[in-house]
Amino acid sequence: MRTLTGIALPFFSILIFVAFYSPAAPSAISAVPAYADQDNSKVCALFSAADAQKIMGVPMKPKPNRGTNVCMYEEVTQRPNSIGTGTVALTLNQHNSAAEENKAWAQLKEVRHLQPGQKNVQALTGIGDEGYFTGNVEKGKVGVSGVIVRKGNSDFALDVMVLDYIASPDALKANAKRIADKL
């Protein structure tokens, strides 16, 4: 029996290694899109590091390689006792027709639960054709939150990703209005 175990164990170890680490197997790394060569300057022209700083209240720097329709900034210095740096991102989707935008907007509203009566969702007036604020305000500040807006054949999300309540909801809404007005 000892001889069988001595032969079987290495055989199965090699079999498992080949099955899971075969070069013919698709690599998860190859499935990741390469954003480094994509130009997001049109989106970043609508939302700057200074705009992000007004929202977060601290200096912000670009967080590159997010794609052509995303402009993201992160805190220059991580706050003490925080899990990571906070970020603010503008994601802009521009469609060729009203029909395309209608479909995309309906899907976005479904995914983000943008319906009246949903917890921490507030309809906004005066920002684009239709807009919503999502997030919980505590002592005049927000953590994870966003403003999602539709204007013409475009929609965008201005999202804050930080666990601490440090961001200004008023600055977030003001920036969203300014962006919507430029579309």
N, C-alpha and C. Protein backbone atom coordinates (compact mmCIF):
# COMPACT_ATOMS: atom_id res chain seq x y z
N MET A 1 0.82 -1.19 0.00
CA MET A 1 0.00 0.00 0.00
C MET A 1 0.86 1.25 0.00
N ARG A 2 1.98 1.16 0.70
CA ARG A 2 2.88 2.29 0.77
C ARG A 2 3.39 2.66 -0.62
N THR A 3 3.65 1.71 -1.44
CA THR A 3 4.14 1.95 -2.78
C THR A 3 3.07 2.64 -3.63
N LEU A 4 1.82 2.22 -3.50
CA LEU A 4 0.74 2.83 -4.26
C LEU A 4 0.56 4.30 -3.87
N THR A 5 0.59 4.59 -2.55
CA THR A 5 0.47 5.97 -2.09
C THR A 5 1.66 6.79 -2.56
N GLY A 6 2.83 6.19 -2.53
CA GLY A 6 4.04 6.89 -2.97
C GLY A 6 4.00 7.24 -4.44
N ILE A 7 3.30 6.47 -5.24
CA ILE A 7 3.17 6.74 -6.68
C ILE A 7 1.96 7.63 -6.96
N ALA A 8 0.84 7.32 -6.30
CA ALA A 8 -0.41 8.02 -6.58
C ALA A 8 -0.36 9.49 -6.16
N LEU A 9 0.19 9.78 -5.01
CA LEU A 9 0.21 11.15 -4.51
C LEU A 9 0.97 12.09 -5.44
N PRO A 10 2.19 11.76 -5.85
CA PRO A 10 2.87 12.66 -6.80
C PRO A 10 2.14 12.75 -8.13
N PHE A 11 1.57 11.63 -8.60
CA PHE A 11 0.84 11.64 -9.87
C PHE A 11 -0.34 12.61 -9.82
N PHE A 12 -1.16 12.52 -8.77
CA PHE A 12 -2.33 13.41 -8.64
C PHE A 12 -1.90 14.86 -8.40
N SER A 13 -0.81 15.07 -7.72
CA SER A 13 -0.31 16.43 -7.51
C SER A 13 0.06 17.07 -8.85
N ILE A 14 0.73 16.30 -9.70
CA ILE A 14 1.11 16.81 -11.02
C ILE A 14 -0.13 17.03 -11.87
N LEU A 15 -1.08 16.11 -11.82
CA LEU A 15 -2.32 16.23 -12.58
C LEU A 15 -3.08 17.50 -12.19
N ILE A 16 -3.19 17.77 -10.90
CA ILE A 16 -3.87 18.98 -10.42
C ILE A 16 -3.12 20.23 -10.86
N PHE A 17 -1.78 20.19 -10.75
CA PHE A 17 -0.98 21.34 -11.15
C PHE A 17 -1.20 21.65 -12.63
N VAL A 18 -1.15 20.63 -13.49
CA VAL A 18 -1.31 20.82 -14.92
C VAL A 18 -2.72 21.33 -15.24
N ALA A 19 -3.72 20.80 -14.56
CA ALA A 19 -5.10 21.20 -14.83
C ALA A 19 -5.35 22.66 -14.51
N PHE A 20 -4.79 23.13 -13.39
CA PHE A 20 -5.07 24.50 -12.95
C PHE A 20 -4.07 25.54 -13.45
N TYR A 21 -2.88 25.11 -13.78
CA TYR A 21 -1.86 26.09 -14.16
C TYR A 21 -1.36 25.89 -15.59
N SER A 22 -2.14 25.27 -16.41
CA SER A 22 -1.77 25.03 -17.80
C SER A 22 -1.68 26.35 -18.56
N PRO A 23 -0.63 26.52 -19.36
CA PRO A 23 -0.54 27.75 -20.15
C PRO A 23 -1.68 27.90 -21.15
N ALA A 24 -2.34 26.81 -21.50
CA ALA A 24 -3.45 26.88 -22.44
C ALA A 24 -4.70 27.46 -21.79
N ALA A 25 -4.74 27.44 -20.46
CA ALA A 25 -5.90 27.96 -19.75
C ALA A 25 -5.91 29.48 -19.87
N PRO A 26 -7.08 30.10 -20.06
CA PRO A 26 -7.14 31.56 -20.15
C PRO A 26 -6.71 32.19 -18.85
N SER A 27 -6.00 33.27 -18.96
CA SER A 27 -5.50 33.97 -17.78
C SER A 27 -6.44 35.10 -17.40
N ALA A 28 -6.70 35.24 -16.11
CA ALA A 28 -7.54 36.34 -15.63
C ALA A 28 -6.88 37.68 -15.93
N ILE A 29 -5.56 37.69 -15.94
CA ILE A 29 -4.84 38.94 -16.19
C ILE A 29 -5.08 39.42 -17.62
N SER A 30 -5.14 38.49 -18.57
CA SER A 30 -5.33 38.91 -19.96
C SER A 30 -6.73 39.47 -20.21
N ALA A 31 -7.68 39.17 -19.32
CA ALA A 31 -9.05 39.65 -19.50
C ALA A 31 -9.24 41.08 -19.02
N VAL A 32 -8.27 41.64 -18.31
CA VAL A 32 -8.37 42.99 -17.78
C VAL A 32 -8.06 43.98 -18.90
N PRO A 33 -8.96 44.93 -19.17
CA PRO A 33 -8.69 45.89 -20.24
C PRO A 33 -7.51 46.81 -19.91
N ALA A 34 -6.76 47.17 -20.91
CA ALA A 34 -5.63 48.08 -20.72
C ALA A 34 -6.12 49.51 -20.93
N TYR A 35 -6.23 50.27 -19.85
CA TYR A 35 -6.73 51.64 -19.92
C TYR A 35 -5.62 52.67 -20.12
N ALA A 36 -4.39 52.26 -19.98
CA ALA A 36 -3.29 53.22 -20.00
C ALA A 36 -3.24 54.05 -21.27
N ASP A 37 -3.67 53.48 -22.38
CA ASP A 37 -3.58 54.20 -23.64
C ASP A 37 -4.88 54.90 -24.02
N GLN A 38 -5.84 54.96 -23.10
CA GLN A 38 -7.13 55.57 -23.40
C GLN A 38 -7.16 57.01 -22.88
N ASP A 39 -7.76 57.89 -23.67
CA ASP A 39 -7.78 59.32 -23.36
C ASP A 39 -9.10 59.71 -22.69
N ASN A 40 -9.01 60.19 -21.45
CA ASN A 40 -10.20 60.65 -20.72
C ASN A 40 -10.22 62.16 -20.56
N SER A 41 -9.47 62.88 -21.38
CA SER A 41 -9.33 64.32 -21.22
C SER A 41 -10.65 65.07 -21.38
N LYS A 42 -11.57 64.57 -22.20
CA LYS A 42 -12.87 65.25 -22.38
C LYS A 42 -13.67 65.19 -21.08
N VAL A 43 -13.61 64.06 -20.40
CA VAL A 43 -14.33 63.93 -19.13
C VAL A 43 -13.64 64.76 -18.04
N CYS A 44 -12.33 64.70 -18.00
CA CYS A 44 -11.59 65.47 -16.98
C CYS A 44 -11.67 66.98 -17.22
N ALA A 45 -11.99 67.40 -18.44
CA ALA A 45 -12.20 68.82 -18.70
C ALA A 45 -13.46 69.32 -17.99
N LEU A 46 -14.38 68.39 -17.68
CA LEU A 46 -15.61 68.75 -16.97
C LEU A 46 -15.45 68.71 -15.45
N PHE A 47 -14.41 68.02 -14.96
CA PHE A 47 -14.26 67.80 -13.52
C PHE A 47 -12.77 67.74 -13.17
N SER A 48 -12.30 68.72 -12.40
CA SER A 48 -10.87 68.86 -12.10
C SER A 48 -10.55 68.42 -10.67
N ALA A 49 -9.26 68.36 -10.37
CA ALA A 49 -8.81 68.04 -9.01
C ALA A 49 -9.29 69.11 -8.03
N ALA A 50 -9.35 70.36 -8.48
CA ALA A 50 -9.85 71.44 -7.61
C ALA A 50 -11.33 71.23 -7.29
N ASP A 51 -12.10 70.75 -8.27
CA ASP A 51 -13.51 70.44 -8.04
C ASP A 51 -13.65 69.31 -7.01
N ALA A 52 -12.82 68.28 -7.17
CA ALA A 52 -12.84 67.15 -6.24
C ALA A 52 -12.45 67.60 -4.84
N GLN A 53 -11.50 68.52 -4.74
CA GLN A 53 -11.08 69.04 -3.44
C GLN A 53 -12.21 69.79 -2.75
N LYS A 54 -13.02 70.52 -3.52
CA LYS A 54 -14.16 71.22 -2.92
C LYS A 54 -15.14 70.23 -2.30
N ILE A 55 -15.28 69.07 -2.91
CA ILE A 55 -16.18 68.05 -2.39
C ILE A 55 -15.59 67.38 -1.15
N MET A 56 -14.33 67.00 -1.23
CA MET A 56 -13.71 66.21 -0.16
C MET A 56 -13.10 67.05 0.96
N GLY A 57 -12.77 68.30 0.65
CA GLY A 57 -12.19 69.16 1.69
C GLY A 57 -10.71 68.93 1.94
N VAL A 58 -10.06 68.14 1.08
CA VAL A 58 -8.62 67.87 1.19
C VAL A 58 -8.02 67.87 -0.20
N PRO A 59 -6.70 68.07 -0.33
CA PRO A 59 -6.07 68.03 -1.66
C PRO A 59 -6.28 66.67 -2.34
N MET A 60 -6.52 66.73 -3.64
CA MET A 60 -6.78 65.53 -4.44
C MET A 60 -5.80 65.46 -5.60
N LYS A 61 -5.51 64.24 -6.06
CA LYS A 61 -4.65 64.02 -7.22
C LYS A 61 -5.32 63.04 -8.17
N PRO A 62 -4.97 63.09 -9.46
CA PRO A 62 -5.58 62.17 -10.43
C PRO A 62 -5.27 60.72 -10.09
N LYS A 63 -6.23 59.86 -10.31
CA LYS A 63 -6.03 58.41 -10.20
C LYS A 63 -6.19 57.89 -11.62
N PRO A 64 -5.06 57.64 -12.31
CA PRO A 64 -5.10 57.36 -13.75
C PRO A 64 -5.61 55.96 -14.09
N ASN A 65 -5.78 55.76 -15.41
CA ASN A 65 -6.09 54.46 -16.00
C ASN A 65 -7.46 53.93 -15.59
N ARG A 66 -8.47 54.77 -15.66
CA ARG A 66 -9.83 54.38 -15.30
C ARG A 66 -10.72 54.19 -16.52
N GLY A 67 -10.26 54.53 -17.70
CA GLY A 67 -11.06 54.39 -18.90
C GLY A 67 -11.36 55.73 -19.53
N THR A 68 -11.91 55.71 -20.74
CA THR A 68 -12.14 56.95 -21.48
C THR A 68 -13.32 57.76 -20.96
N ASN A 69 -14.23 57.13 -20.22
CA ASN A 69 -15.42 57.87 -19.76
C ASN A 69 -15.39 58.15 -18.27
N VAL A 70 -14.23 57.95 -17.62
CA VAL A 70 -14.12 58.15 -16.17
C VAL A 70 -12.96 59.09 -15.87
N CYS A 71 -13.22 60.05 -14.97
CA CYS A 71 -12.18 60.91 -14.44
C CYS A 71 -12.23 60.77 -12.92
N MET A 72 -11.18 60.22 -12.33
CA MET A 72 -11.18 59.93 -10.90
C MET A 72 -10.00 60.62 -10.21
N TYR A 73 -10.29 61.08 -8.99
CA TYR A 73 -9.27 61.70 -8.14
C TYR A 73 -9.27 61.01 -6.79
N GLU A 74 -8.08 60.94 -6.18
CA GLU A 74 -7.96 60.36 -4.85
C GLU A 74 -7.24 61.34 -3.93
N GLU A 75 -7.44 61.15 -2.64
CA GLU A 75 -6.79 62.01 -1.66
C GLU A 75 -5.27 61.92 -1.82
N VAL A 76 -4.60 63.05 -1.72
CA VAL A 76 -3.14 63.07 -1.83
C VAL A 76 -2.53 62.32 -0.65
N THR A 77 -3.08 62.53 0.53
CA THR A 77 -2.58 61.89 1.75
C THR A 77 -3.71 61.12 2.41
N GLN A 78 -3.42 59.87 2.72
CA GLN A 78 -4.43 59.05 3.39
C GLN A 78 -4.65 59.58 4.81
N ARG A 79 -5.92 59.66 5.20
CA ARG A 79 -6.26 60.12 6.54
C ARG A 79 -5.84 59.09 7.58
N PRO A 80 -5.41 59.53 8.77
CA PRO A 80 -5.04 58.57 9.82
C PRO A 80 -6.24 57.67 10.16
N ASN A 81 -5.96 56.43 10.42
CA ASN A 81 -6.94 55.42 10.82
C ASN A 81 -7.98 55.13 9.75
N SER A 82 -7.71 55.46 8.50
CA SER A 82 -8.66 55.16 7.43
C SER A 82 -8.21 53.88 6.72
N ILE A 83 -9.15 53.23 6.07
CA ILE A 83 -8.85 51.99 5.36
C ILE A 83 -8.06 52.28 4.08
N GLY A 84 -8.34 53.39 3.44
CA GLY A 84 -7.64 53.76 2.21
C GLY A 84 -7.95 55.20 1.87
N THR A 85 -7.43 55.64 0.75
CA THR A 85 -7.69 57.02 0.34
C THR A 85 -9.10 57.13 -0.22
N GLY A 86 -9.74 58.24 0.07
CA GLY A 86 -11.05 58.51 -0.50
C GLY A 86 -10.92 58.92 -1.95
N THR A 87 -11.94 58.64 -2.74
CA THR A 87 -11.91 59.02 -4.15
C THR A 87 -13.22 59.69 -4.55
N VAL A 88 -13.14 60.48 -5.60
CA VAL A 88 -14.30 61.09 -6.23
C VAL A 88 -14.15 60.82 -7.73
N ALA A 89 -15.22 60.35 -8.36
CA ALA A 89 -15.14 60.00 -9.78
C ALA A 89 -16.33 60.54 -10.55
N LEU A 90 -16.05 61.02 -11.75
CA LEU A 90 -17.09 61.39 -12.70
C LEU A 90 -17.08 60.33 -13.79
N THR A 91 -18.23 59.68 -13.98
CA THR A 91 -18.41 58.71 -15.07
C THR A 91 -19.44 59.29 -16.01
N LEU A 92 -19.05 59.54 -17.25
CA LEU A 92 -19.91 60.18 -18.25
C LEU A 92 -20.22 59.20 -19.37
N ASN A 93 -21.51 59.00 -19.64
CA ASN A 93 -21.96 58.15 -20.73
C ASN A 93 -22.71 59.02 -21.74
N GLN A 94 -22.21 59.07 -22.96
CA GLN A 94 -22.85 59.85 -24.01
C GLN A 94 -23.33 58.90 -25.10
N HIS A 95 -24.61 59.03 -25.47
CA HIS A 95 -25.22 58.11 -26.43
C HIS A 95 -25.55 58.83 -27.73
N ASN A 96 -25.69 58.05 -28.80
CA ASN A 96 -25.93 58.61 -30.13
C ASN A 96 -27.37 59.02 -30.37
N SER A 97 -28.29 58.48 -29.59
CA SER A 97 -29.70 58.79 -29.82
C SER A 97 -30.46 58.81 -28.51
N ALA A 98 -31.64 59.40 -28.56
CA ALA A 98 -32.52 59.42 -27.39
C ALA A 98 -32.94 58.01 -27.02
N ALA A 99 -33.15 57.16 -28.01
CA ALA A 99 -33.55 55.77 -27.73
C ALA A 99 -32.47 55.03 -26.96
N GLU A 100 -31.20 55.20 -27.37
CA GLU A 100 -30.09 54.58 -26.65
C GLU A 100 -30.01 55.10 -25.22
N GLU A 101 -30.15 56.41 -25.06
CA GLU A 101 -30.09 57.01 -23.73
C GLU A 101 -31.25 56.55 -22.87
N ASN A 102 -32.45 56.47 -23.43
CA ASN A 102 -33.61 56.00 -22.67
C ASN A 102 -33.36 54.60 -22.10
N LYS A 103 -32.82 53.72 -22.93
CA LYS A 103 -32.54 52.35 -22.49
C LYS A 103 -31.45 52.34 -21.41
N ALA A 104 -30.37 53.07 -21.65
CA ALA A 104 -29.27 53.11 -20.69
C ALA A 104 -29.71 53.74 -19.36
N TRP A 105 -30.50 54.81 -19.44
CA TRP A 105 -30.98 55.50 -18.23
C TRP A 105 -31.90 54.57 -17.42
N ALA A 106 -32.77 53.85 -18.10
CA ALA A 106 -33.66 52.91 -17.40
C ALA A 106 -32.85 51.84 -16.68
N GLN A 107 -31.80 51.34 -17.33
CA GLN A 107 -30.95 50.33 -16.70
C GLN A 107 -30.20 50.91 -15.51
N LEU A 108 -29.68 52.12 -15.66
CA LEU A 108 -28.95 52.77 -14.58
C LEU A 108 -29.86 53.02 -13.37
N LYS A 109 -31.07 53.47 -13.63
CA LYS A 109 -32.02 53.70 -12.54
C LYS A 109 -32.35 52.40 -11.82
N GLU A 110 -32.45 51.33 -12.56
CA GLU A 110 -32.73 50.02 -11.96
C GLU A 110 -31.57 49.56 -11.08
N VAL A 111 -30.37 49.64 -11.61
CA VAL A 111 -29.18 49.17 -10.89
C VAL A 111 -28.93 50.03 -9.65
N ARG A 112 -29.09 51.33 -9.76
CA ARG A 112 -28.79 52.24 -8.64
C ARG A 112 -30.00 52.47 -7.74
N HIS A 113 -31.12 51.81 -8.01
CA HIS A 113 -32.34 51.91 -7.19
C HIS A 113 -32.81 53.37 -7.08
N LEU A 114 -32.90 54.04 -8.22
CA LEU A 114 -33.27 55.45 -8.24
C LEU A 114 -34.78 55.58 -8.44
N GLN A 115 -35.52 55.20 -7.42
CA GLN A 115 -36.97 55.33 -7.43
C GLN A 115 -37.40 56.07 -6.18
N PRO A 116 -38.47 56.84 -6.28
CA PRO A 116 -38.99 57.52 -5.09
C PRO A 116 -39.31 56.51 -3.99
N GLY A 117 -38.99 56.87 -2.78
CA GLY A 117 -39.26 56.00 -1.64
C GLY A 117 -38.11 55.08 -1.26
N GLN A 118 -37.08 54.98 -2.11
CA GLN A 118 -35.93 54.16 -1.76
C GLN A 118 -35.14 54.86 -0.65
N LYS A 119 -34.56 54.06 0.22
CA LYS A 119 -33.77 54.60 1.33
C LYS A 119 -32.56 55.37 0.78
N ASN A 120 -32.33 56.55 1.34
CA ASN A 120 -31.18 57.40 1.00
C ASN A 120 -31.13 57.82 -0.46
N VAL A 121 -32.29 57.95 -1.09
CA VAL A 121 -32.39 58.45 -2.47
C VAL A 121 -33.29 59.67 -2.45
N GLN A 122 -32.79 60.75 -3.05
CA GLN A 122 -33.54 62.00 -3.09
C GLN A 122 -33.57 62.51 -4.53
N ALA A 123 -34.76 62.73 -5.07
CA ALA A 123 -34.88 63.32 -6.41
C ALA A 123 -34.40 64.77 -6.34
N LEU A 124 -33.68 65.19 -7.37
CA LEU A 124 -33.16 66.56 -7.44
C LEU A 124 -33.86 67.32 -8.56
N THR A 125 -34.12 68.57 -8.32
CA THR A 125 -34.67 69.42 -9.37
C THR A 125 -33.63 70.47 -9.72
N GLY A 126 -33.66 70.91 -10.98
CA GLY A 126 -32.74 71.96 -11.41
C GLY A 126 -31.37 71.46 -11.81
N ILE A 127 -31.17 70.15 -11.83
CA ILE A 127 -29.90 69.57 -12.28
C ILE A 127 -30.21 68.62 -13.43
N GLY A 128 -29.91 69.03 -14.64
CA GLY A 128 -30.18 68.21 -15.81
C GLY A 128 -31.67 68.00 -16.03
N ASP A 129 -32.01 67.00 -16.82
CA ASP A 129 -33.41 66.67 -17.10
C ASP A 129 -34.01 65.86 -15.95
N GLU A 130 -33.16 65.06 -15.31
CA GLU A 130 -33.58 64.23 -14.18
C GLU A 130 -32.34 63.93 -13.36
N GLY A 131 -32.45 64.03 -12.05
CA GLY A 131 -31.29 63.78 -11.22
C GLY A 131 -31.66 63.25 -9.85
N TYR A 132 -30.70 62.54 -9.25
CA TYR A 132 -30.90 61.94 -7.93
C TYR A 132 -29.64 62.09 -7.10
N PHE A 133 -29.85 62.29 -5.81
CA PHE A 133 -28.77 62.25 -4.83
C PHE A 133 -28.93 60.94 -4.07
N THR A 134 -27.83 60.21 -3.90
CA THR A 134 -27.85 58.99 -3.10
C THR A 134 -26.82 59.12 -2.00
N GLY A 135 -27.19 58.74 -0.81
CA GLY A 135 -26.25 58.78 0.31
C GLY A 135 -26.94 59.23 1.57
N ASN A 136 -26.27 59.02 2.67
CA ASN A 136 -26.77 59.40 3.98
C ASN A 136 -25.98 60.60 4.50
N VAL A 137 -26.68 61.64 4.89
CA VAL A 137 -26.02 62.85 5.40
C VAL A 137 -26.01 62.78 6.92
N GLU A 138 -24.83 62.95 7.49
CA GLU A 138 -24.68 63.03 8.94
C GLU A 138 -23.88 64.28 9.27
N LYS A 139 -24.46 65.13 10.10
CA LYS A 139 -23.82 66.38 10.52
C LYS A 139 -23.33 67.19 9.32
N GLY A 140 -24.14 67.21 8.26
CA GLY A 140 -23.83 68.01 7.08
C GLY A 140 -22.78 67.42 6.16
N LYS A 141 -22.37 66.17 6.38
CA LYS A 141 -21.34 65.52 5.55
C LYS A 141 -21.84 64.16 5.07
N VAL A 142 -21.21 63.67 4.00
CA VAL A 142 -21.54 62.35 3.47
C VAL A 142 -20.28 61.51 3.34
N GLY A 143 -20.49 60.20 3.30
CA GLY A 143 -19.43 59.25 2.99
C GLY A 143 -19.69 58.74 1.58
N VAL A 144 -19.94 57.44 1.45
CA VAL A 144 -20.25 56.88 0.14
C VAL A 144 -21.56 57.50 -0.34
N SER A 145 -21.48 58.18 -1.48
CA SER A 145 -22.64 58.92 -1.98
C SER A 145 -22.44 59.26 -3.45
N GLY A 146 -23.48 59.83 -4.04
CA GLY A 146 -23.35 60.21 -5.44
C GLY A 146 -24.51 61.05 -5.92
N VAL A 147 -24.29 61.70 -7.05
CA VAL A 147 -25.34 62.40 -7.77
C VAL A 147 -25.35 61.79 -9.16
N ILE A 148 -26.52 61.31 -9.56
CA ILE A 148 -26.69 60.66 -10.85
C ILE A 148 -27.66 61.51 -11.66
N VAL A 149 -27.25 61.89 -12.87
CA VAL A 149 -28.00 62.88 -13.65
C VAL A 149 -28.14 62.43 -15.10
N ARG A 150 -29.29 62.76 -15.66
CA ARG A 150 -29.52 62.58 -17.10
C ARG A 150 -29.72 63.96 -17.71
N LYS A 151 -29.07 64.19 -18.86
CA LYS A 151 -29.24 65.44 -19.60
C LYS A 151 -29.14 65.13 -21.08
N GLY A 152 -30.24 65.30 -21.79
CA GLY A 152 -30.26 65.02 -23.23
C GLY A 152 -29.93 63.56 -23.50
N ASN A 153 -28.95 63.33 -24.38
CA ASN A 153 -28.53 61.97 -24.72
C ASN A 153 -27.36 61.51 -23.87
N SER A 154 -27.16 62.13 -22.71
CA SER A 154 -26.06 61.79 -21.82
C SER A 154 -26.58 61.53 -20.42
N ASP A 155 -25.79 60.76 -19.68
CA ASP A 155 -26.01 60.62 -18.25
C ASP A 155 -24.65 60.55 -17.57
N PHE A 156 -24.63 60.92 -16.31
CA PHE A 156 -23.37 60.82 -15.57
C PHE A 156 -23.63 60.56 -14.11
N ALA A 157 -22.58 60.03 -13.48
CA ALA A 157 -22.59 59.81 -12.04
C ALA A 157 -21.36 60.49 -11.47
N LEU A 158 -21.56 61.27 -10.44
CA LEU A 158 -20.48 61.89 -9.70
C LEU A 158 -20.49 61.21 -8.34
N ASP A 159 -19.56 60.30 -8.13
CA ASP A 159 -19.57 59.42 -6.96
C ASP A 159 -18.43 59.71 -6.00
N VAL A 160 -18.77 59.71 -4.72
CA VAL A 160 -17.80 59.82 -3.63
C VAL A 160 -17.64 58.43 -3.03
N MET A 161 -16.41 57.98 -2.90
CA MET A 161 -16.13 56.69 -2.30
C MET A 161 -15.19 56.89 -1.12
N VAL A 162 -15.78 57.08 0.05
CA VAL A 162 -15.02 57.21 1.29
C VAL A 162 -15.92 56.75 2.42
N LEU A 163 -15.37 56.02 3.36
CA LEU A 163 -16.20 55.47 4.43
C LEU A 163 -16.52 56.50 5.52
N ASP A 164 -15.64 57.46 5.72
CA ASP A 164 -15.87 58.49 6.74
C ASP A 164 -16.79 59.57 6.19
N TYR A 165 -17.54 60.21 7.08
CA TYR A 165 -18.43 61.30 6.68
C TYR A 165 -17.62 62.59 6.63
N ILE A 166 -16.99 62.85 5.47
CA ILE A 166 -16.13 64.02 5.33
C ILE A 166 -16.49 64.87 4.11
N ALA A 167 -17.25 64.31 3.17
CA ALA A 167 -17.52 65.01 1.91
C ALA A 167 -18.72 65.95 2.05
N SER A 168 -18.69 67.00 1.26
CA SER A 168 -19.76 67.99 1.27
C SER A 168 -20.85 67.64 0.26
N PRO A 169 -22.07 67.36 0.73
CA PRO A 169 -23.15 67.07 -0.23
C PRO A 169 -23.50 68.30 -1.06
N ASP A 170 -23.35 69.49 -0.50
CA ASP A 170 -23.65 70.72 -1.25
C ASP A 170 -22.66 70.92 -2.39
N ALA A 171 -21.37 70.68 -2.13
CA ALA A 171 -20.36 70.80 -3.18
C ALA A 171 -20.55 69.71 -4.24
N LEU A 172 -20.97 68.53 -3.82
CA LEU A 172 -21.24 67.44 -4.75
C LEU A 172 -22.37 67.82 -5.72
N LYS A 173 -23.45 68.35 -5.17
CA LYS A 173 -24.59 68.77 -5.99
C LYS A 173 -24.23 69.97 -6.88
N ALA A 174 -23.47 70.91 -6.34
CA ALA A 174 -23.08 72.09 -7.13
C ALA A 174 -22.22 71.69 -8.32
N ASN A 175 -21.29 70.76 -8.10
CA ASN A 175 -20.45 70.28 -9.21
C ASN A 175 -21.29 69.54 -10.23
N ALA A 176 -22.25 68.74 -9.78
CA ALA A 176 -23.12 68.01 -10.71
C ALA A 176 -23.93 68.99 -11.56
N LYS A 177 -24.43 70.05 -10.95
CA LYS A 177 -25.20 71.06 -11.70
C LYS A 177 -24.31 71.73 -12.75
N ARG A 178 -23.11 72.09 -12.37
CA ARG A 178 -22.18 72.74 -13.29
C ARG A 178 -21.86 71.81 -14.47
N ILE A 179 -21.64 70.52 -14.20
CA ILE A 179 -21.35 69.55 -15.26
C ILE A 179 -22.56 69.40 -16.17
N ALA A 180 -23.75 69.25 -15.59
CA ALA A 180 -24.97 69.11 -16.40
C ALA A 180 -25.18 70.33 -17.29
N ASP A 181 -24.90 71.51 -16.77
CA ASP A 181 -25.07 72.74 -17.55
C ASP A 181 -24.13 72.80 -18.75
N LYS A 182 -22.99 72.11 -18.66
CA LYS A 182 -22.01 72.11 -19.77
C LYS A 182 -22.35 71.06 -20.84
N LEU A 183 -23.21 70.12 -20.52
CA LEU A 183 -23.53 69.07 -21.50
C LEU A 183 -24.53 69.57 -22.54
